Amino acid sequence: MILYWSIIIICNIPLYFGIGWVIFDDWGGFFEALKFWLIPDIVSMVRGGWGHGAWEEMTFVYWLALCIGTTYGTHWVAQTYIL
């Protein structure tokens, strides 16, 4: 089972990069969104960048949800039509 999911995730890596390219435009945008996702909200509020941080955090969560969705979609197609 671990091998099955590993193969699905490895095969979807180009799709993850494509989705990230559409959402973030470059690596700087991705790492900035990751930084704001890891920083607690109270710290962002104290620093005064909560509005910008919330937007970056939302884009990262959106990217993460799309990657999980495509992985599940690949699993569903493999289970329904291949296996």
PDB file of N, CA and C in Angstrom:
ATOM      1  N   MET A   1       0.821  -1.197   0.000  1.00  0.00           N
ATOM      2  CA  MET A   1       0.000   0.000   0.000  1.00  0.00           C
ATOM      3  C   MET A   1       0.862   1.258   0.000  1.00  0.00           C
ATOM      4  N   ILE A   2       1.962   1.248   0.771  1.00  0.00           N
ATOM      5  CA  ILE A   2       2.858   2.405   0.798  1.00  0.00           C
ATOM      6  C   ILE A   2       3.501   2.596  -0.566  1.00  0.00           C
ATOM      7  N   LEU A   3       3.859   1.510  -1.232  1.00  0.00           N
ATOM      8  CA  LEU A   3       4.442   1.604  -2.569  1.00  0.00           C
ATOM      9  C   LEU A   3       3.443   2.202  -3.551  1.00  0.00           C
ATOM     10  N   TYR A   4       2.178   1.816  -3.456  1.00  0.00           N
ATOM     11  CA  TYR A   4       1.120   2.333  -4.331  1.00  0.00           C
ATOM     12  C   TYR A   4       1.002   3.852  -4.194  1.00  0.00           C
ATOM     13  N   TRP A   5       0.906   4.351  -2.950  1.00  0.00           N
ATOM     14  CA  TRP A   5       0.769   5.793  -2.737  1.00  0.00           C
ATOM     15  C   TRP A   5       2.041   6.528  -3.111  1.00  0.00           C
ATOM     16  N   SER A   6       3.198   5.906  -2.892  1.00  0.00           N
ATOM     17  CA  SER A   6       4.459   6.532  -3.280  1.00  0.00           C
ATOM     18  C   SER A   6       4.528   6.727  -4.791  1.00  0.00           C
ATOM     19  N   ILE A   7       4.098   5.732  -5.542  1.00  0.00           N
ATOM     20  CA  ILE A   7       4.097   5.836  -7.004  1.00  0.00           C
ATOM     21  C   ILE A   7       3.138   6.919  -7.464  1.00  0.00           C
ATOM     22  N   ILE A   8       1.956   6.989  -6.868  1.00  0.00           N
ATOM     23  CA  ILE A   8       0.980   8.019  -7.242  1.00  0.00           C
ATOM     24  C   ILE A   8       1.533   9.410  -6.944  1.00  0.00           C
ATOM     25  N   ILE A   9       2.132   9.599  -5.789  1.00  0.00           N
ATOM     26  CA  ILE A   9       2.673  10.913  -5.431  1.00  0.00           C
ATOM     27  C   ILE A   9       3.838  11.282  -6.339  1.00  0.00           C
ATOM     28  N   ILE A  10       4.723  10.357  -6.632  1.00  0.00           N
ATOM     29  CA  ILE A  10       5.863  10.636  -7.511  1.00  0.00           C
ATOM     30  C   ILE A  10       5.387  10.973  -8.920  1.00  0.00           C
ATOM     31  N   CYS A  11       4.393  10.277  -9.403  1.00  0.00           N
ATOM     32  CA  CYS A  11       3.867  10.570 -10.743  1.00  0.00           C
ATOM     33  C   CYS A  11       3.164  11.924 -10.806  1.00  0.00           C
ATOM     34  N   ASN A  12       2.660  12.409  -9.695  1.00  0.00           N
ATOM     35  CA  ASN A  12       1.963  13.693  -9.657  1.00  0.00           C
ATOM     36  C   ASN A  12       2.876  14.884  -9.393  1.00  0.00           C
ATOM     37  N   ILE A  13       4.156  14.676  -9.147  1.00  0.00           N
ATOM     38  CA  ILE A  13       5.059  15.785  -8.844  1.00  0.00           C
ATOM     39  C   ILE A  13       5.060  16.852  -9.945  1.00  0.00           C
ATOM     40  N   PRO A  14       5.113  16.501 -11.234  1.00  0.00           N
ATOM     41  CA  PRO A  14       5.032  17.567 -12.256  1.00  0.00           C
ATOM     42  C   PRO A  14       3.725  18.363 -12.176  1.00  0.00           C
ATOM     43  N   LEU A  15       2.644  17.708 -11.808  1.00  0.00           N
ATOM     44  CA  LEU A  15       1.368  18.405 -11.655  1.00  0.00           C
ATOM     45  C   LEU A  15       1.407  19.358 -10.462  1.00  0.00           C
ATOM     46  N   TYR A  16       2.055  18.948  -9.378  1.00  0.00           N
ATOM     47  CA  TYR A  16       2.202  19.834  -8.213  1.00  0.00           C
ATOM     48  C   TYR A  16       2.991  21.088  -8.593  1.00  0.00           C
ATOM     49  N   PHE A  17       4.086  20.896  -9.349  1.00  0.00           N
ATOM     50  CA  PHE A  17       4.874  22.045  -9.795  1.00  0.00           C
ATOM     51  C   PHE A  17       4.066  22.946 -10.724  1.00  0.00           C
ATOM     52  N   GLY A  18       3.257  22.355 -11.598  1.00  0.00           N
ATOM     53  CA  GLY A  18       2.423  23.146 -12.503  1.00  0.00           C
ATOM     54  C   GLY A  18       1.383  23.964 -11.757  1.00  0.00           C
ATOM     55  N   ILE A  19       0.753  23.356 -10.784  1.00  0.00           N
ATOM     56  CA  ILE A  19      -0.240  24.086  -9.980  1.00  0.00           C
ATOM     57  C   ILE A  19       0.448  25.204  -9.206  1.00  0.00           C
ATOM     58  N   GLY A  20       1.619  24.920  -8.657  1.00  0.00           N
ATOM     59  CA  GLY A  20       2.372  25.940  -7.923  1.00  0.00           C
ATOM     60  C   GLY A  20       2.805  27.081  -8.815  1.00  0.00           C
ATOM     61  N   TRP A  21       3.183  26.774 -10.052  1.00  0.00           N
ATOM     62  CA  TRP A  21       3.590  27.819 -10.998  1.00  0.00           C
ATOM     63  C   TRP A  21       2.420  28.744 -11.316  1.00  0.00           C
ATOM     64  N   VAL A  22       1.225  28.179 -11.451  1.00  0.00           N
ATOM     65  CA  VAL A  22       0.042  28.990 -11.737  1.00  0.00           C
ATOM     66  C   VAL A  22      -0.326  29.860 -10.533  1.00  0.00           C
ATOM     67  N   ILE A  23      -0.248  29.317  -9.333  1.00  0.00           N
ATOM     68  CA  ILE A  23      -0.679  30.050  -8.144  1.00  0.00           C
ATOM     69  C   ILE A  23       0.378  31.047  -7.665  1.00  0.00           C
ATOM     70  N   PHE A  24       1.650  30.637  -7.609  1.00  0.00           N
ATOM     71  CA  PHE A  24       2.682  31.457  -6.973  1.00  0.00           C
ATOM     72  C   PHE A  24       3.557  32.241  -7.945  1.00  0.00           C
ATOM     73  N   ASP A  25       3.630  31.888  -9.196  1.00  0.00           N
ATOM     74  CA  ASP A  25       4.434  32.539 -10.232  1.00  0.00           C
ATOM     75  C   ASP A  25       5.934  32.275 -10.118  1.00  0.00           C
ATOM     76  N   ASP A  26       6.481  32.133  -8.926  1.00  0.00           N
ATOM     77  CA  ASP A  26       7.905  31.858  -8.766  1.00  0.00           C
ATOM     78  C   ASP A  26       8.167  31.231  -7.395  1.00  0.00           C
ATOM     79  N   TRP A  27       9.430  30.832  -7.179  1.00  0.00           N
ATOM     80  CA  TRP A  27       9.782  30.187  -5.921  1.00  0.00           C
ATOM     81  C   TRP A  27       9.690  31.152  -4.751  1.00  0.00           C
ATOM     82  N   GLY A  28       9.959  32.444  -5.000  1.00  0.00           N
ATOM     83  CA  GLY A  28       9.875  33.429  -3.927  1.00  0.00           C
ATOM     84  C   GLY A  28       8.472  33.521  -3.348  1.00  0.00           C
ATOM     85  N   GLY A  29       7.467  33.494  -4.217  1.00  0.00           N
ATOM     86  CA  GLY A  29       6.084  33.533  -3.756  1.00  0.00           C
ATOM     87  C   GLY A  29       5.714  32.300  -2.957  1.00  0.00           C
ATOM     88  N   PHE A  30       6.241  31.153  -3.394  1.00  0.00           N
ATOM     89  CA  PHE A  30       5.956  29.913  -2.665  1.00  0.00           C
ATOM     90  C   PHE A  30       6.554  29.951  -1.265  1.00  0.00           C
ATOM     91  N   PHE A  31       7.832  30.342  -1.174  1.00  0.00           N
ATOM     92  CA  PHE A  31       8.486  30.354   0.131  1.00  0.00           C
ATOM     93  C   PHE A  31       7.918  31.427   1.050  1.00  0.00           C
ATOM     94  N   GLU A  32       7.464  32.548   0.470  1.00  0.00           N
ATOM     95  CA  GLU A  32       6.819  33.571   1.282  1.00  0.00           C
ATOM     96  C   GLU A  32       5.494  33.052   1.844  1.00  0.00           C
ATOM     97  N   ALA A  33       4.723  32.351   1.023  1.00  0.00           N
ATOM     98  CA  ALA A  33       3.465  31.777   1.488  1.00  0.00           C
ATOM     99  C   ALA A  33       3.714  30.714   2.558  1.00  0.00           C
ATOM    100  N   LEU A  34       4.741  29.903   2.363  1.00  0.00           N
ATOM    101  CA  LEU A  34       5.093  28.891   3.356  1.00  0.00           C
ATOM    102  C   LEU A  34       5.509  29.545   4.669  1.00  0.00           C
ATOM    103  N   LYS A  35       6.264  30.635   4.587  1.00  0.00           N
ATOM    104  CA  LYS A  35       6.693  31.355   5.785  1.00  0.00           C
ATOM    105  C   LYS A  35       5.479  31.881   6.559  1.00  0.00           C
ATOM    106  N   PHE A  36       4.532  32.505   5.850  1.00  0.00           N
ATOM    107  CA  PHE A  36       3.358  33.039   6.530  1.00  0.00           C
ATOM    108  C   PHE A  36       2.461  31.924   7.060  1.00  0.00           C
ATOM    109  N   TRP A  37       2.473  30.764   6.422  1.00  0.00           N
ATOM    110  CA  TRP A  37       1.664  29.636   6.893  1.00  0.00           C
ATOM    111  C   TRP A  37       2.230  29.086   8.206  1.00  0.00           C
ATOM    112  N   LEU A  38       3.560  29.134   8.349  1.00  0.00           N
ATOM    113  CA  LEU A  38       4.200  28.593   9.539  1.00  0.00           C
ATOM    114  C   LEU A  38       4.211  29.581  10.716  1.00  0.00           C
ATOM    115  N   ILE A  39       4.121  30.889  10.425  1.00  0.00           N
ATOM    116  CA  ILE A  39       4.124  31.894  11.488  1.00  0.00           C
ATOM    117  C   ILE A  39       2.732  31.946  12.123  1.00  0.00           C
ATOM    118  N   PRO A  40       2.647  31.907  13.453  1.00  0.00           N
ATOM    119  CA  PRO A  40       1.329  32.009  14.113  1.00  0.00           C
ATOM    120  C   PRO A  40       0.658  33.352  13.798  1.00  0.00           C
ATOM    121  N   ASP A  41      -0.671  33.352  13.775  1.00  0.00           N
ATOM    122  CA  ASP A  41      -1.419  34.560  13.431  1.00  0.00           C
ATOM    123  C   ASP A  41      -1.180  35.697  14.413  1.00  0.00           C
ATOM    124  N   ILE A  42      -1.015  35.386  15.667  1.00  0.00           N
ATOM    125  CA  ILE A  42      -0.808  36.450  16.669  1.00  0.00           C
ATOM    126  C   ILE A  42       0.493  37.192  16.405  1.00  0.00           C
ATOM    127  N   VAL A  43       1.524  36.477  15.953  1.00  0.00           N
ATOM    128  CA  VAL A  43       2.798  37.123  15.628  1.00  0.00           C
ATOM    129  C   VAL A  43       2.625  38.019  14.408  1.00  0.00           C
ATOM    130  N   SER A  44       1.874  37.567  13.417  1.00  0.00           N
ATOM    131  CA  SER A  44       1.621  38.400  12.240  1.00  0.00           C
ATOM    132  C   SER A  44       0.840  39.650  12.604  1.00  0.00           C
ATOM    133  N   MET A  45      -0.114  39.540  13.526  1.00  0.00           N
ATOM    134  CA  MET A  45      -0.880  40.710  13.952  1.00  0.00           C
ATOM    135  C   MET A  45       0.007  41.725  14.657  1.00  0.00           C
ATOM    136  N   VAL A  46       0.912  41.245  15.515  1.00  0.00           N
ATOM    137  CA  VAL A  46       1.803  42.146  16.241  1.00  0.00           C
ATOM    138  C   VAL A  46       2.744  42.857  15.266  1.00  0.00           C
ATOM    139  N   ARG A  47       3.218  42.149  14.246  1.00  0.00           N
ATOM    140  CA  ARG A  47       4.113  42.743  13.258  1.00  0.00           C
ATOM    141  C   ARG A  47       3.393  43.680  12.296  1.00  0.00           C
ATOM    142  N   GLY A  48       2.076  43.595  12.235  1.00  0.00           N
ATOM    143  CA  GLY A  48       1.308  44.479  11.365  1.00  0.00           C
ATOM    144  C   GLY A  48       1.111  43.968   9.955  1.00  0.00           C
ATOM    145  N   GLY A  49       1.439  42.732   9.692  1.00  0.00           N
ATOM    146  CA  GLY A  49       1.286  42.183   8.349  1.00  0.00           C
ATOM    147  C   GLY A  49       0.245  41.097   8.266  1.00  0.00           C
ATOM    148  N   TRP A  50      -0.795  41.214   9.086  1.00  0.00           N
ATOM    149  CA  TRP A  50      -1.761  40.124   9.139  1.00  0.00           C
ATOM    150  C   TRP A  50      -2.554  40.014   7.846  1.00  0.00           C
ATOM    151  N   GLY A  51      -2.949  41.129   7.242  1.00  0.00           N
ATOM    152  CA  GLY A  51      -3.739  41.069   6.014  1.00  0.00           C
ATOM    153  C   GLY A  51      -2.985  40.426   4.875  1.00  0.00           C
ATOM    154  N   HIS A  52      -1.727  40.829   4.694  1.00  0.00           N
ATOM    155  CA  HIS A  52      -0.895  40.242   3.649  1.00  0.00           C
ATOM    156  C   HIS A  52      -0.602  38.777   3.972  1.00  0.00           C
ATOM    157  N   GLY A  53      -0.327  38.496   5.247  1.00  0.00           N
ATOM    158  CA  GLY A  53      -0.032  37.126   5.657  1.00  0.00           C
ATOM    159  C   GLY A  53      -1.219  36.199   5.483  1.00  0.00           C
ATOM    160  N   ALA A  54      -2.422  36.727   5.730  1.00  0.00           N
ATOM    161  CA  ALA A  54      -3.626  35.903   5.569  1.00  0.00           C
ATOM    162  C   ALA A  54      -3.819  35.526   4.109  1.00  0.00           C
ATOM    163  N   TRP A  55      -3.549  36.455   3.198  1.00  0.00           N
ATOM    164  CA  TRP A  55      -3.685  36.163   1.763  1.00  0.00           C
ATOM    165  C   TRP A  55      -2.662  35.121   1.336  1.00  0.00           C
ATOM    166  N   GLU A  56      -1.417  35.274   1.764  1.00  0.00           N
ATOM    167  CA  GLU A  56      -0.377  34.306   1.413  1.00  0.00           C
ATOM    168  C   GLU A  56      -0.690  32.936   2.001  1.00  0.00           C
ATOM    169  N   GLU A  57      -1.184  32.927   3.231  1.00  0.00           N
ATOM    170  CA  GLU A  57      -1.539  31.667   3.875  1.00  0.00           C
ATOM    171  C   GLU A  57      -2.676  30.976   3.124  1.00  0.00           C
ATOM    172  N   MET A  58      -3.643  31.761   2.659  1.00  0.00           N
ATOM    173  CA  MET A  58      -4.760  31.190   1.921  1.00  0.00           C
ATOM    174  C   MET A  58      -4.297  30.582   0.592  1.00  0.00           C
ATOM    175  N   THR A  59      -3.360  31.236  -0.099  1.00  0.00           N
ATOM    176  CA  THR A  59      -2.877  30.684  -1.360  1.00  0.00           C
ATOM    177  C   THR A  59      -2.123  29.378  -1.132  1.00  0.00           C
ATOM    178  N   PHE A  60      -1.360  29.292  -0.032  1.00  0.00           N
ATOM    179  CA  PHE A  60      -0.643  28.054   0.262  1.00  0.00           C
ATOM    180  C   PHE A  60      -1.609  26.925   0.576  1.00  0.00           C
ATOM    181  N   VAL A  61      -2.628  27.212   1.375  1.00  0.00           N
ATOM    182  CA  VAL A  61      -3.621  26.185   1.719  1.00  0.00           C
ATOM    183  C   VAL A  61      -4.388  25.768   0.471  1.00  0.00           C
ATOM    184  N   TYR A  62      -4.679  26.714  -0.419  1.00  0.00           N
ATOM    185  CA  TYR A  62      -5.356  26.402  -1.671  1.00  0.00           C
ATOM    186  C   TYR A  62      -4.494  25.477  -2.527  1.00  0.00           C
ATOM    187  N   TRP A  63      -3.192  25.768  -2.615  1.00  0.00           N
ATOM    188  CA  TRP A  63      -2.276  24.909  -3.363  1.00  0.00           C
ATOM    189  C   TRP A  63      -2.212  23.512  -2.750  1.00  0.00           C
ATOM    190  N   LEU A  64      -2.128  23.454  -1.431  1.00  0.00           N
ATOM    191  CA  LEU A  64      -2.072  22.169  -0.738  1.00  0.00           C
ATOM    192  C   LEU A  64      -3.342  21.353  -0.986  1.00  0.00           C
ATOM    193  N   ALA A  65      -4.504  22.010  -0.934  1.00  0.00           N
ATOM    194  CA  ALA A  65      -5.774  21.315  -1.180  1.00  0.00           C
ATOM    195  C   ALA A  65      -5.854  20.810  -2.618  1.00  0.00           C
ATOM    196  N   LEU A  66      -5.376  21.600  -3.579  1.00  0.00           N
ATOM    197  CA  LEU A  66      -5.384  21.146  -4.965  1.00  0.00           C
ATOM    198  C   LEU A  66      -4.450  19.958  -5.173  1.00  0.00           C
ATOM    199  N   CYS A  67      -3.305  19.956  -4.510  1.00  0.00           N
ATOM    200  CA  CYS A  67      -2.389  18.823  -4.624  1.00  0.00           C
ATOM    201  C   CYS A  67      -2.996  17.560  -4.019  1.00  0.00           C
ATOM    202  N   ILE A  68      -3.639  17.690  -2.879  1.00  0.00           N
ATOM    203  CA  ILE A  68      -4.299  16.534  -2.266  1.00  0.00           C
ATOM    204  C   ILE A  68      -5.448  16.057  -3.145  1.00  0.00           C
ATOM    205  N   GLY A  69      -6.187  16.990  -3.721  1.00  0.00           N
ATOM    206  CA  GLY A  69      -7.293  16.626  -4.607  1.00  0.00           C
ATOM    207  C   GLY A  69      -6.830  15.904  -5.863  1.00  0.00           C
ATOM    208  N   THR A  70      -5.737  16.363  -6.453  1.00  0.00           N
ATOM    209  CA  THR A  70      -5.232  15.681  -7.655  1.00  0.00           C
ATOM    210  C   THR A  70      -4.677  14.302  -7.315  1.00  0.00           C
ATOM    211  N   THR A  71      -4.083  14.175  -6.138  1.00  0.00           N
ATOM    212  CA  THR A  71      -3.588  12.861  -5.711  1.00  0.00           C
ATOM    213  C   THR A  71      -4.752  11.901  -5.520  1.00  0.00           C
ATOM    214  N   TYR A  72      -5.805  12.362  -4.879  1.00  0.00           N
ATOM    215  CA  TYR A  72      -6.978  11.509  -4.710  1.00  0.00           C
ATOM    216  C   TYR A  72      -7.630  11.216  -6.051  1.00  0.00           C
ATOM    217  N   GLY A  73      -7.674  12.189  -6.947  1.00  0.00           N
ATOM    218  CA  GLY A  73      -8.240  11.959  -8.278  1.00  0.00           C
ATOM    219  C   GLY A  73      -7.471  10.902  -9.044  1.00  0.00           C
ATOM    220  N   THR A  74      -6.147  10.945  -8.948  1.00  0.00           N
ATOM    221  CA  THR A  74      -5.324   9.921  -9.590  1.00  0.00           C
ATOM    222  C   THR A  74      -5.586   8.552  -8.981  1.00  0.00           C
ATOM    223  N   HIS A  75      -5.732   8.512  -7.678  1.00  0.00           N
ATOM    224  CA  HIS A  75      -6.059   7.255  -6.992  1.00  0.00           C
ATOM    225  C   HIS A  75      -7.416   6.724  -7.466  1.00  0.00           C
ATOM    226  N   TRP A  76      -8.396   7.607  -7.565  1.00  0.00           N
ATOM    227  CA  TRP A  76      -9.730   7.185  -7.987  1.00  0.00           C
ATOM    228  C   TRP A  76      -9.709   6.633  -9.411  1.00  0.00           C
ATOM    229  N   VAL A  77      -9.012   7.310 -10.317  1.00  0.00           N
ATOM    230  CA  VAL A  77      -8.912   6.836 -11.700  1.00  0.00           C
ATOM    231  C   VAL A  77      -8.201   5.491 -11.745  1.00  0.00           C
ATOM    232  N   ALA A  78      -7.123   5.347 -10.975  1.00  0.00           N
ATOM    233  CA  ALA A  78      -6.405   4.085 -10.968  1.00  0.00           C
ATOM    234  C   ALA A  78      -7.261   2.952 -10.418  1.00  0.00           C
ATOM    235  N   GLN A  79      -8.012   3.201  -9.383  1.00  0.00           N
ATOM    236  CA  GLN A  79      -8.853   2.169  -8.793  1.00  0.00           C
ATOM    237  C   GLN A  79     -10.055   1.842  -9.677  1.00  0.00           C
ATOM    238  N   THR A  80     -10.605   2.832 -10.340  1.00  0.00           N
ATOM    239  CA  THR A  80     -11.813   2.628 -11.131  1.00  0.00           C
ATOM    240  C   THR A  80     -11.525   2.004 -12.486  1.00  0.00           C
ATOM    241  N   TYR A  81     -10.491   2.496 -13.167  1.00  0.00           N
ATOM    242  CA  TYR A  81     -10.291   2.102 -14.556  1.00  0.00           C
ATOM    243  C   TYR A  81      -9.082   1.204 -14.804  1.00  0.00           C
ATOM    244  N   ILE A  82      -8.117   1.179 -13.904  1.00  0.00           N
ATOM    245  CA  ILE A  82      -6.897   0.416 -14.162  1.00  0.00           C
ATOM    246  C   ILE A  82      -6.854  -0.867 -13.346  1.00  0.00           C
ATOM    247  N   LEU A  83      -7.067  -0.749 -12.037  1.00  0.00           N
ATOM    248  CA  LEU A  83      -6.910  -1.930 -11.166  1.00  0.00           C
ATOM    249  C   LEU A  83      -8.184  -2.695 -11.007  1.00  0.00           C
TER     250      LEU A  83
END
